[in-house]
Amino acid sequence: MNKEYTQHNTPIHEAVEAHKNTRMVHFDVPGHKGGRGNPELTKFLGEQCLKADVNSTKTLDNLIHPTSIIKVAEELAAEAFGAKAAFFMVNGTTAAVQSMIMSTCKAGDKIIIPRNVHRSSINALIVCGAVPIYINPGVNHELGIPLGMSLSDIEEAIIKHPDAKAIIVNNPTYFGICSNLKEIVTLAHKHNIKVLVDEAHGAHFYFGEGLPISAMAAGADMAAVSMHKSGGSLTQSSFLLCGEGIDSGYVRQIINLTQTTSGSYLLMSSLDISRRHMYLHGKEKVAKTLELAEYARSEINNLGGYYAFSNEIINGDTIFDFDRTKLSVNTTQIGLAGIEISDLLQEDYDILIEFGDIGNFLAVITAGDRSFEIERLISSLADIKRRYGKEASKMLTFDYINPVLVLSPQKAFYSDKKKLPIKESVDHISGEFIMCYPPGIPVLAPGERITRQIIDYIYYAKDKGCVLAGPKDMKVDNINVVISE
């Protein structure tokens, strides 16, 4: 390649566009042959989309071993995010999180991990055999939300487990809570521990002003970034970022253990275009997002009963910072669970929000939203309060108690198991996950002792309409437990 590329370019996207305009005859996959072989799909997605769904070739490069346009696109992404290296991930941020863990931990290695971690992290432990050292993130009982990681808790975990290889930090959390990431990095690096950041909900941190610090700016070793959540790319497309001191060649080998060899050029092109768009226009996009979110927050709080929280909850430690683009709303004072509000909005008002849990709901705001849609949300919430609001009731709060980890997640998952009704499983060892989804944070993970508190929470969540997932029994009436320890 002789062309000089800058942040104004989109190497993958440009190459796909050029490829579409050739007279190339395709005796390769995909079998729809630019859509001609599947007219129904072409009608649904459009001819231009199907023509862009192409296979790896000499001119289009190859995701598992990039040497030309994909390599350049990765370099541009690394530059845009302030990273040493960047990888295009087409198996979602789940694959990025798992690649971080498997790049830094082997079987038997310890990894410090918050209990409210996404299931993708624990899945990685099942695959690679690393052992979790859980930190209780704590819960704000007034709001019923998990907090960030306390520096003192991390320091205590490091003192007890100086041989830990890495630490995972959720930053920001689903609700927008941020930990003191820069100091966590400083502390961990003093003990030669790698810092891995699940930054699924923080892609915009790299391109806007007035936001919490990004993982790369804080000096983290690796970060998994869901570009599709707040960066504008297609669903399932993400970046894996690496800082100094990470062997990017080894990371690529790890990625290639699990990521598809048939990388989607639709997903990669969307990452390429979104990187350019956020680099060139990110400040204005984030500014608009903040304006919409702040207006919605103010108006919702004026309704009474709802509490759309923001920077006022910052405490300098477990809530070190807050992502103000997140419209997180507590609903307990109107006597309704967040999941109940979510269901009402969808069923009665044709409004989809990101998710609701026991006491809160989250509405994702971006620059793609319009003012009249924000007004519609506000008026619908007012109507819900008028029609369905009750006297404030005490919602069940759930502390992230430090689980009794009897077996490693890997050993428990692959052990011989038997099925028990959940109500009869107290004191047994779980052989599978149970989680509320979204956001996919386990209530119970393989290898943990089942307690009465956990069972009570599962039934309470089911009663409120939360979607529970993870066990083989799709109805979540039974659970597989380890037969023997």
Protein backbone atom coordinates (compact mmCIF):
# COMPACT_ATOMS: atom_id res chain seq x y z
CA MET A 1 0.00 0.00 0.00
CA ASN A 2 1.37 3.37 -0.98
CA LYS A 3 -1.49 5.49 0.35
CA GLU A 4 -0.94 7.58 3.46
CA TYR A 5 -3.84 7.17 5.89
CA THR A 6 -4.96 9.68 8.53
CA GLN A 7 -7.85 9.90 11.00
CA HIS A 8 -9.94 11.24 8.12
CA ASN A 9 -9.68 7.86 6.40
CA THR A 10 -11.55 4.60 6.93
CA PRO A 11 -9.24 2.00 5.35
CA ILE A 12 -11.53 -1.02 5.67
CA HIS A 13 -14.66 0.85 4.65
CA GLU A 14 -12.88 2.45 1.69
CA ALA A 15 -11.54 -0.90 0.51
CA VAL A 16 -14.98 -2.53 0.75
CA GLU A 17 -16.54 0.31 -1.24
CA ALA A 18 -13.88 -0.08 -3.92
CA HIS A 19 -14.41 -3.83 -3.97
CA LYS A 20 -18.15 -3.38 -4.48
CA ASN A 21 -17.48 -1.31 -7.59
CA THR A 22 -15.29 -3.90 -9.31
CA ARG A 23 -16.54 -6.45 -11.83
CA MET A 24 -15.25 -9.26 -9.64
CA VAL A 25 -16.95 -12.64 -10.17
CA HIS A 26 -17.45 -14.39 -6.82
CA PHE A 27 -16.85 -18.12 -6.52
CA ASP A 28 -16.22 -17.70 -2.81
CA VAL A 29 -18.41 -17.29 0.28
CA PRO A 30 -20.78 -15.89 1.42
CA GLY A 31 -23.21 -17.95 -0.55
CA HIS A 32 -25.81 -15.23 -0.98
CA LYS A 33 -23.51 -13.77 -3.72
CA GLY A 34 -24.15 -10.13 -2.99
CA GLY A 35 -27.78 -10.84 -2.20
CA ARG A 36 -28.75 -12.42 -5.51
CA GLY A 37 -29.02 -15.85 -3.90
CA ASN A 38 -31.36 -14.69 -1.14
CA PRO A 39 -33.85 -12.08 -2.39
CA GLU A 40 -35.82 -12.04 0.88
CA LEU A 41 -32.70 -11.10 2.84
CA THR A 42 -31.78 -8.51 0.22
CA LYS A 43 -35.24 -6.95 0.51
CA PHE A 44 -34.85 -6.82 4.29
CA LEU A 45 -31.29 -5.43 4.48
CA GLY A 46 -30.84 -3.75 1.11
CA GLU A 47 -28.64 -4.54 -1.87
CA GLN A 48 -25.77 -2.29 -0.79
CA CYS A 49 -25.58 -4.01 2.60
CA LEU A 50 -25.42 -7.48 1.05
CA LYS A 51 -22.75 -6.38 -1.45
CA ALA A 52 -20.65 -5.18 1.48
CA ASP A 53 -20.93 -8.55 3.21
CA VAL A 54 -17.75 -9.95 1.69
CA ASN A 55 -15.05 -12.49 2.42
CA SER A 56 -11.37 -11.96 3.24
CA THR A 57 -9.24 -11.54 0.10
CA LYS A 58 -5.76 -10.33 -0.75
CA THR A 59 -7.03 -6.78 -1.24
CA LEU A 60 -9.41 -6.84 1.75
CA ASP A 61 -6.87 -8.32 4.20
CA ASN A 62 -7.63 -10.89 6.90
CA LEU A 63 -8.69 -10.18 10.47
CA ILE A 64 -6.75 -13.05 12.05
CA HIS A 65 -3.45 -12.01 10.42
CA PRO A 66 -3.77 -8.43 9.11
CA THR A 67 -0.99 -7.06 6.92
CA SER A 68 -2.65 -4.22 4.99
CA ILE A 69 -5.92 -2.32 5.39
CA ILE A 70 -7.02 -3.97 8.64
CA LYS A 71 -3.56 -3.43 10.10
CA VAL A 72 -3.71 0.26 9.19
CA ALA A 73 -7.25 0.58 10.56
CA GLU A 74 -6.09 -0.93 13.86
CA GLU A 75 -3.22 1.55 14.01
CA LEU A 76 -5.60 4.45 13.42
CA ALA A 77 -7.88 3.12 16.17
CA ALA A 78 -4.95 2.86 18.58
CA GLU A 79 -4.00 6.45 17.81
CA ALA A 80 -7.57 7.67 18.24
CA PHE A 81 -7.96 5.97 21.63
CA GLY A 82 -4.47 6.82 22.90
CA ALA A 83 -3.49 3.15 23.06
CA LYS A 84 -0.33 1.28 22.09
CA ALA A 85 -2.38 -1.24 20.08
CA ALA A 86 -6.01 -1.83 19.16
CA PHE A 87 -7.86 -4.87 17.86
CA PHE A 88 -11.10 -5.06 15.91
CA MET A 89 -13.46 -7.38 17.80
CA VAL A 90 -16.43 -8.88 15.94
CA ASN A 91 -17.50 -11.33 18.65
CA GLY A 92 -18.69 -8.51 20.88
CA THR A 93 -17.12 -7.00 23.98
CA THR A 94 -17.58 -10.39 25.62
CA ALA A 95 -14.72 -11.66 23.44
CA ALA A 96 -12.64 -8.59 24.29
CA VAL A 97 -13.10 -9.09 28.04
CA GLN A 98 -12.25 -12.77 27.75
CA SER A 99 -9.17 -12.01 25.67
CA MET A 100 -7.94 -9.57 28.33
CA ILE A 101 -8.22 -12.18 31.05
CA MET A 102 -6.75 -15.04 29.02
CA SER A 103 -3.86 -12.83 27.92
CA THR A 104 -2.82 -12.14 31.51
CA CYS A 105 -3.92 -15.23 33.47
CA LYS A 106 -3.30 -18.96 33.13
CA ALA A 107 -4.75 -21.96 34.97
CA GLY A 108 -4.41 -21.50 38.73
CA ASP A 109 -3.49 -17.80 38.54
CA LYS A 110 -5.40 -15.43 40.81
CA ILE A 111 -7.32 -12.45 39.46
CA ILE A 112 -8.90 -9.77 41.66
CA ILE A 113 -12.42 -9.19 40.49
CA PRO A 114 -15.47 -7.20 41.69
CA ARG A 115 -18.51 -9.34 42.49
CA ASN A 116 -20.67 -7.28 40.11
CA VAL A 117 -18.53 -8.24 37.13
CA HIS A 118 -20.19 -9.16 33.84
CA ARG A 119 -20.65 -12.88 33.18
CA SER A 120 -18.11 -12.71 30.34
CA SER A 121 -15.33 -12.37 32.92
CA ILE A 122 -16.36 -15.47 34.83
CA ASN A 123 -16.85 -17.33 31.55
CA ALA A 124 -13.19 -16.57 30.83
CA LEU A 125 -12.23 -18.12 34.18
CA ILE A 126 -14.14 -21.26 33.25
CA VAL A 127 -12.18 -21.47 30.02
CA CYS A 128 -8.68 -20.61 31.27
CA GLY A 129 -8.86 -21.95 34.83
CA ALA A 130 -7.88 -18.75 36.67
CA VAL A 131 -9.21 -18.32 40.22
CA PRO A 132 -11.25 -15.25 41.23
CA ILE A 133 -10.45 -13.22 44.32
CA TYR A 134 -13.73 -11.38 44.79
CA ILE A 135 -14.06 -7.84 46.10
CA ASN A 136 -17.42 -6.77 47.44
CA PRO A 137 -18.26 -3.53 45.59
CA GLY A 138 -20.92 -2.67 48.13
CA VAL A 139 -24.40 -1.37 47.44
CA ASN A 140 -25.97 2.03 47.87
CA HIS A 141 -29.04 0.96 49.86
CA GLU A 142 -30.93 4.15 49.15
CA LEU A 143 -30.70 3.53 45.41
CA GLY A 144 -30.11 -0.22 45.33
CA ILE A 145 -27.18 0.07 42.93
CA PRO A 146 -23.73 -1.53 43.09
CA LEU A 147 -20.84 0.84 43.69
CA GLY A 148 -17.34 1.10 42.31
CA MET A 149 -14.20 -0.44 43.79
CA SER A 150 -12.70 1.04 46.93
CA LEU A 151 -8.93 1.59 46.96
CA SER A 152 -8.71 0.23 50.51
CA ASP A 153 -10.53 -2.97 49.50
CA ILE A 154 -8.19 -3.45 46.55
CA GLU A 155 -5.14 -2.85 48.73
CA GLU A 156 -6.41 -5.39 51.26
CA ALA A 157 -6.94 -7.96 48.50
CA ILE A 158 -3.42 -7.37 47.16
CA ILE A 159 -1.89 -7.77 50.64
CA LYS A 160 -3.72 -11.07 51.09
CA HIS A 161 -2.96 -12.24 47.55
CA PRO A 162 0.34 -10.66 46.44
CA ASP A 163 0.66 -13.32 43.75
CA ALA A 164 -2.44 -12.05 41.87
CA LYS A 165 -1.71 -11.48 38.20
CA ALA A 166 -4.44 -9.00 37.28
CA ILE A 167 -7.38 -6.97 38.48
CA ILE A 168 -10.62 -6.30 36.59
CA VAL A 169 -12.36 -2.95 37.00
CA ASN A 170 -15.87 -2.18 35.69
CA ASN A 171 -15.57 1.44 34.62
CA PRO A 172 -18.17 2.82 34.24
CA THR A 173 -20.76 0.46 35.67
CA TYR A 174 -24.10 0.00 33.92
CA PHE A 175 -25.48 2.87 36.03
CA GLY A 176 -22.54 5.20 35.31
CA ILE A 177 -20.53 4.74 38.52
CA CYS A 178 -16.76 5.18 38.13
CA SER A 179 -13.95 4.07 40.42
CA ASN A 180 -10.72 5.97 41.13
CA LEU A 181 -9.14 4.34 38.11
CA LYS A 182 -5.89 6.30 38.03
CA GLU A 183 -5.05 5.47 41.63
CA ILE A 184 -6.09 1.85 41.15
CA VAL A 185 -3.60 1.63 38.28
CA THR A 186 -0.85 3.21 40.38
CA LEU A 187 -1.51 0.82 43.28
CA ALA A 188 -1.70 -2.28 41.11
CA HIS A 189 1.41 -1.46 39.12
CA LYS A 190 3.42 -1.06 42.34
CA HIS A 191 2.72 -4.75 42.88
CA ASN A 192 3.27 -5.79 39.25
CA ILE A 193 -0.43 -6.49 38.77
CA LYS A 194 -2.05 -5.77 35.40
CA VAL A 195 -5.18 -3.59 35.31
CA LEU A 196 -7.89 -4.74 32.91
CA VAL A 197 -10.84 -2.40 32.41
CA ASP A 198 -14.28 -3.55 31.31
CA GLU A 199 -15.09 -0.26 29.59
CA ALA A 200 -18.13 -1.59 27.75
CA HIS A 201 -20.15 1.51 28.58
CA GLY A 202 -17.36 4.08 28.23
CA ALA A 203 -16.42 4.38 24.54
CA HIS A 204 -17.44 8.06 24.61
CA PHE A 205 -14.95 8.81 27.41
CA TYR A 206 -12.19 9.00 24.79
CA PHE A 207 -13.81 11.68 22.66
CA GLY A 208 -15.82 14.04 24.88
CA GLU A 209 -15.21 16.72 27.46
CA GLY A 210 -16.47 16.84 31.03
CA LEU A 211 -16.47 13.06 31.37
CA PRO A 212 -14.65 10.63 33.68
CA ILE A 213 -11.11 9.58 32.74
CA SER A 214 -10.73 6.83 30.15
CA ALA A 215 -8.86 3.59 30.81
CA MET A 216 -5.96 4.40 28.50
CA ALA A 217 -5.59 7.92 29.91
CA ALA A 218 -5.50 6.40 33.40
CA GLY A 219 -2.63 4.11 32.38
CA ALA A 220 -4.56 0.82 32.38
CA ASP A 221 -2.95 -2.15 30.69
CA MET A 222 -5.95 -3.27 28.65
CA ALA A 223 -9.52 -2.10 28.02
CA ALA A 224 -12.55 -3.68 26.35
CA VAL A 225 -14.61 -0.95 24.68
CA SER A 226 -18.14 -1.48 23.34
CA MET A 227 -18.05 0.91 20.41
CA HIS A 228 -21.57 -0.17 19.52
CA LYS A 229 -23.00 1.05 22.85
CA SER A 230 -22.02 4.72 22.79
CA GLY A 231 -19.71 5.05 19.79
CA GLY A 232 -22.18 4.44 16.99
CA SER A 233 -20.97 1.17 15.43
CA LEU A 234 -23.07 -1.89 14.68
CA THR A 235 -24.18 -4.23 17.47
CA GLN A 236 -21.53 -6.84 18.34
CA SER A 237 -18.58 -4.68 17.23
CA SER A 238 -15.99 -3.58 19.79
CA PHE A 239 -12.36 -2.61 20.29
CA LEU A 240 -9.78 -4.24 22.52
CA LEU A 241 -7.14 -1.69 23.55
CA CYS A 242 -3.65 -2.38 24.89
CA GLY A 243 -1.34 -0.05 26.80
CA GLU A 244 2.42 -0.07 27.24
CA GLY A 245 3.90 -3.29 28.58
CA ILE A 246 1.41 -5.57 26.84
CA ASP A 247 2.69 -7.96 24.19
CA SER A 248 0.18 -7.25 21.41
CA GLY A 249 1.43 -10.18 19.32
CA TYR A 250 0.56 -12.57 22.12
CA VAL A 251 -2.81 -10.86 22.60
CA ARG A 252 -3.62 -11.48 18.94
CA GLN A 253 -2.82 -15.16 19.43
CA ILE A 254 -5.23 -15.27 22.37
CA ILE A 255 -7.95 -13.46 20.41
CA ASN A 256 -7.58 -15.95 17.59
CA LEU A 257 -8.28 -18.85 19.97
CA THR A 258 -11.95 -17.85 20.15
CA GLN A 259 -12.76 -15.12 17.64
CA THR A 260 -14.28 -16.12 14.31
CA THR A 261 -12.01 -16.65 11.30
CA SER A 262 -14.82 -15.17 9.17
CA GLY A 263 -14.67 -11.59 10.36
CA SER A 264 -17.70 -9.56 9.24
CA TYR A 265 -16.69 -6.66 7.00
CA LEU A 266 -19.98 -5.01 7.88
CA LEU A 267 -18.97 -4.97 11.55
CA MET A 268 -15.38 -3.98 10.84
CA SER A 269 -16.44 -1.19 8.46
CA SER A 270 -18.84 0.12 11.10
CA LEU A 271 -15.99 0.24 13.63
CA ASP A 272 -13.79 2.00 11.09
CA ILE A 273 -16.44 4.62 10.25
CA SER A 274 -17.42 5.13 13.89
CA ARG A 275 -13.80 5.62 14.96
CA ARG A 276 -13.41 8.38 12.36
CA HIS A 277 -16.76 9.93 13.25
CA MET A 278 -16.03 10.06 16.98
CA TYR A 279 -12.48 11.30 16.44
CA LEU A 280 -13.68 14.16 14.21
CA HIS A 281 -17.04 14.94 15.84
CA GLY A 282 -16.93 13.30 19.27
CA LYS A 283 -16.77 16.51 21.31
CA GLU A 284 -19.92 17.93 19.78
CA LYS A 285 -21.69 14.55 19.92
CA VAL A 286 -20.91 14.11 23.61
CA ALA A 287 -21.89 17.74 24.33
CA LYS A 288 -25.29 17.14 22.73
CA THR A 289 -25.70 13.89 24.64
CA LEU A 290 -24.94 15.64 27.93
CA GLU A 291 -27.40 18.42 27.11
CA LEU A 292 -30.20 15.93 26.41
CA ALA A 293 -29.39 13.81 29.47
CA GLU A 294 -29.17 16.78 31.84
CA TYR A 295 -32.48 18.17 30.59
CA ALA A 296 -34.19 14.79 30.98
CA ARG A 297 -32.70 14.33 34.46
CA SER A 298 -33.93 17.75 35.61
CA GLU A 299 -37.44 17.29 34.24
CA ILE A 300 -37.80 13.77 35.63
CA ASN A 301 -36.73 14.94 39.07
CA ASN A 302 -39.32 17.72 38.86
CA LEU A 303 -42.05 15.08 38.48
CA GLY A 304 -41.52 13.98 42.06
CA GLY A 305 -41.18 10.37 43.19
CA TYR A 306 -38.53 9.55 40.61
CA TYR A 307 -34.87 10.22 41.35
CA ALA A 308 -32.55 10.65 38.38
CA PHE A 309 -29.20 10.75 40.14
CA SER A 310 -26.00 12.46 39.03
CA ASN A 311 -22.78 13.97 40.42
CA GLU A 312 -24.33 14.63 43.84
CA ILE A 313 -23.82 10.95 44.76
CA ILE A 314 -20.02 11.17 44.28
CA ASN A 315 -18.22 10.27 47.51
CA GLY A 316 -14.57 10.30 46.39
CA ASP A 317 -14.05 6.57 46.77
CA THR A 318 -16.62 3.91 45.76
CA ILE A 319 -18.33 6.58 43.66
CA PHE A 320 -15.26 8.48 42.53
CA ASP A 321 -16.93 9.92 39.44
CA PHE A 322 -20.18 9.66 37.50
CA ASP A 323 -20.96 9.45 33.79
CA ARG A 324 -23.58 12.16 33.31
CA THR A 325 -24.60 10.80 29.91
CA LYS A 326 -26.29 7.94 31.79
CA LEU A 327 -29.95 8.57 32.63
CA SER A 328 -30.23 6.28 35.64
CA VAL A 329 -33.50 6.68 37.53
CA ASN A 330 -34.54 5.29 40.91
CA THR A 331 -38.25 4.41 41.14
CA THR A 332 -38.77 3.15 44.68
CA GLN A 333 -40.57 6.28 45.91
CA ILE A 334 -43.49 5.67 43.54
CA GLY A 335 -43.82 2.08 44.75
CA LEU A 336 -42.80 0.47 41.46
CA ALA A 337 -39.74 -1.56 40.55
CA GLY A 338 -37.56 -0.33 37.70
CA ILE A 339 -38.43 -3.44 35.70
CA GLU A 340 -42.13 -2.64 36.15
CA ILE A 341 -41.56 0.87 34.77
CA SER A 342 -39.58 -0.63 31.87
CA ASP A 343 -42.40 -3.04 31.03
CA LEU A 344 -45.07 -0.32 31.24
CA LEU A 345 -43.08 2.00 28.98
CA GLN A 346 -42.78 -0.69 26.34
CA GLU A 347 -46.28 -2.14 26.54
CA ASP A 348 -48.36 1.02 27.03
CA TYR A 349 -46.24 3.83 25.59
CA ASP A 350 -44.11 2.23 22.84
CA ILE A 351 -40.89 3.33 24.53
CA LEU A 352 -37.95 0.96 24.82
CA ILE A 353 -35.34 1.62 27.47
CA GLU A 354 -32.10 -0.23 28.13
CA PHE A 355 -33.16 -2.14 31.21
CA GLY A 356 -34.86 -2.07 34.56
CA ASP A 357 -33.98 -3.88 37.76
CA ILE A 358 -35.50 -4.01 41.22
CA GLY A 359 -35.23 -0.31 42.07
CA ASN A 360 -34.02 1.51 38.96
CA PHE A 361 -34.18 1.82 35.22
CA LEU A 362 -31.58 3.02 32.74
CA ALA A 363 -32.37 4.99 29.60
CA VAL A 364 -29.42 5.23 27.22
CA ILE A 365 -29.12 8.73 25.78
CA THR A 366 -26.94 9.55 22.77
CA ALA A 367 -26.70 12.35 20.22
CA GLY A 368 -28.90 10.19 18.00
CA ASP A 369 -31.88 10.94 20.24
CA ARG A 370 -34.25 13.81 19.50
CA SER A 371 -35.72 16.39 21.86
CA PHE A 372 -39.32 15.36 21.21
CA GLU A 373 -38.44 11.78 22.16
CA ILE A 374 -37.03 12.99 25.47
CA GLU A 375 -40.28 14.90 26.05
CA ARG A 376 -42.27 11.76 25.26
CA LEU A 377 -40.30 9.80 27.87
CA ILE A 378 -40.86 12.50 30.49
CA SER A 379 -44.61 12.76 29.84
CA SER A 380 -44.95 8.96 29.87
CA LEU A 381 -43.22 8.73 33.24
CA ALA A 382 -45.58 11.39 34.58
CA ASP A 383 -48.54 9.39 33.32
CA ILE A 384 -47.21 6.16 34.83
CA LYS A 385 -46.84 7.86 38.18
CA ARG A 386 -50.42 9.17 37.98
CA ARG A 387 -51.96 5.88 36.85
CA TYR A 388 -49.88 3.25 38.61
CA GLY A 389 -47.96 4.99 41.38
CA LYS A 390 -48.29 3.56 44.88
CA GLU A 391 -47.17 4.48 48.32
CA ALA A 392 -43.42 4.14 48.59
CA SER A 393 -42.64 0.60 49.60
CA LYS A 394 -39.45 -0.91 50.87
CA MET A 395 -37.83 -2.77 48.00
CA LEU A 396 -35.64 -5.76 48.71
CA THR A 397 -32.02 -4.66 48.61
CA PHE A 398 -29.25 -7.07 47.77
CA ASP A 399 -25.75 -6.83 49.21
CA TYR A 400 -22.92 -8.33 47.21
CA ILE A 401 -21.70 -10.52 50.04
CA ASN A 402 -18.31 -12.01 49.47
CA PRO A 403 -19.31 -15.40 48.06
CA VAL A 404 -18.04 -18.59 49.62
CA LEU A 405 -15.98 -19.88 46.69
CA VAL A 406 -15.69 -23.62 47.29
CA LEU A 407 -14.45 -24.61 43.82
CA SER A 408 -12.91 -22.69 40.96
CA PRO A 409 -15.48 -21.71 38.30
CA GLN A 410 -13.80 -24.09 35.85
CA LYS A 411 -13.83 -27.09 38.17
CA ALA A 412 -17.44 -26.50 39.26
CA PHE A 413 -18.70 -26.00 35.73
CA TYR A 414 -17.17 -29.26 34.51
CA SER A 415 -17.94 -31.31 37.63
CA ASP A 416 -20.62 -33.99 37.82
CA LYS A 417 -23.90 -32.28 38.73
CA LYS A 418 -27.45 -33.06 39.72
CA LYS A 419 -30.65 -31.04 39.30
CA LEU A 420 -32.41 -29.64 42.35
CA PRO A 421 -35.36 -27.29 42.77
CA ILE A 422 -33.88 -23.89 43.59
CA LYS A 423 -35.82 -23.73 46.86
CA GLU A 424 -34.05 -26.94 48.00
CA SER A 425 -30.54 -25.93 46.97
CA VAL A 426 -29.37 -24.08 50.11
CA ASP A 427 -25.79 -24.96 51.10
CA HIS A 428 -25.12 -26.79 47.85
CA ILE A 429 -22.43 -25.65 45.40
CA SER A 430 -23.70 -24.06 42.22
CA GLY A 431 -22.61 -25.67 38.98
CA GLU A 432 -23.97 -22.90 36.78
CA PHE A 433 -24.86 -19.21 36.57
CA ILE A 434 -27.99 -17.36 37.56
CA MET A 435 -28.09 -13.70 36.58
CA CYS A 436 -30.47 -10.88 35.82
CA TYR A 437 -30.09 -9.93 32.17
CA PRO A 438 -29.42 -7.23 31.24
CA PRO A 439 -26.95 -6.30 32.59
CA GLY A 440 -25.62 -9.87 32.88
CA ILE A 441 -24.16 -9.61 36.38
CA PRO A 442 -24.28 -13.00 38.14
CA VAL A 443 -26.35 -13.40 41.28
CA LEU A 444 -24.75 -16.83 41.50
CA ALA A 445 -21.73 -18.24 39.69
CA PRO A 446 -20.25 -21.75 39.34
CA GLY A 447 -18.31 -22.88 42.39
CA GLU A 448 -20.16 -20.70 44.91
CA ARG A 449 -22.10 -21.85 47.95
CA ILE A 450 -25.86 -21.23 47.56
CA THR A 451 -27.38 -19.26 50.45
CA ARG A 452 -30.94 -18.52 51.56
CA GLN A 453 -30.35 -14.82 50.80
CA ILE A 454 -29.50 -15.64 47.19
CA ILE A 455 -32.58 -17.81 46.79
CA ASP A 456 -34.82 -15.09 48.29
CA TYR A 457 -33.41 -12.57 45.82
CA ILE A 458 -33.96 -14.92 42.86
CA TYR A 459 -37.62 -15.38 43.76
CA TYR A 460 -38.10 -11.67 44.40
CA ALA A 461 -36.54 -10.79 41.04
CA LYS A 462 -38.74 -13.35 39.28
CA ASP A 463 -41.84 -11.97 40.97
CA LYS A 464 -40.99 -8.44 39.80
CA GLY A 465 -40.57 -9.62 36.22
CA CYS A 466 -36.78 -9.53 35.90
CA VAL A 467 -35.39 -11.76 33.15
CA LEU A 468 -33.26 -14.42 34.81
CA ALA A 469 -30.82 -16.38 32.68
CA GLY A 470 -27.91 -18.78 32.96
CA PRO A 471 -29.06 -22.19 34.20
CA LYS A 472 -29.93 -25.10 31.92
CA ASP A 473 -33.52 -24.84 33.16
CA MET A 474 -34.81 -21.90 31.10
CA LYS A 475 -37.67 -21.35 33.57
CA VAL A 476 -35.12 -20.99 36.42
CA ASP A 477 -37.11 -23.30 38.70
CA ASN A 478 -34.22 -25.73 39.07
CA ILE A 479 -30.47 -25.46 39.33
CA ASN A 480 -27.63 -27.91 38.69
CA VAL A 481 -25.46 -28.33 41.76
CA VAL A 482 -22.13 -30.07 42.18
CA ILE A 483 -22.62 -33.63 43.42
CA SER A 484 -19.52 -33.70 45.59
CA GLU A 485 -16.81 -31.31 46.65
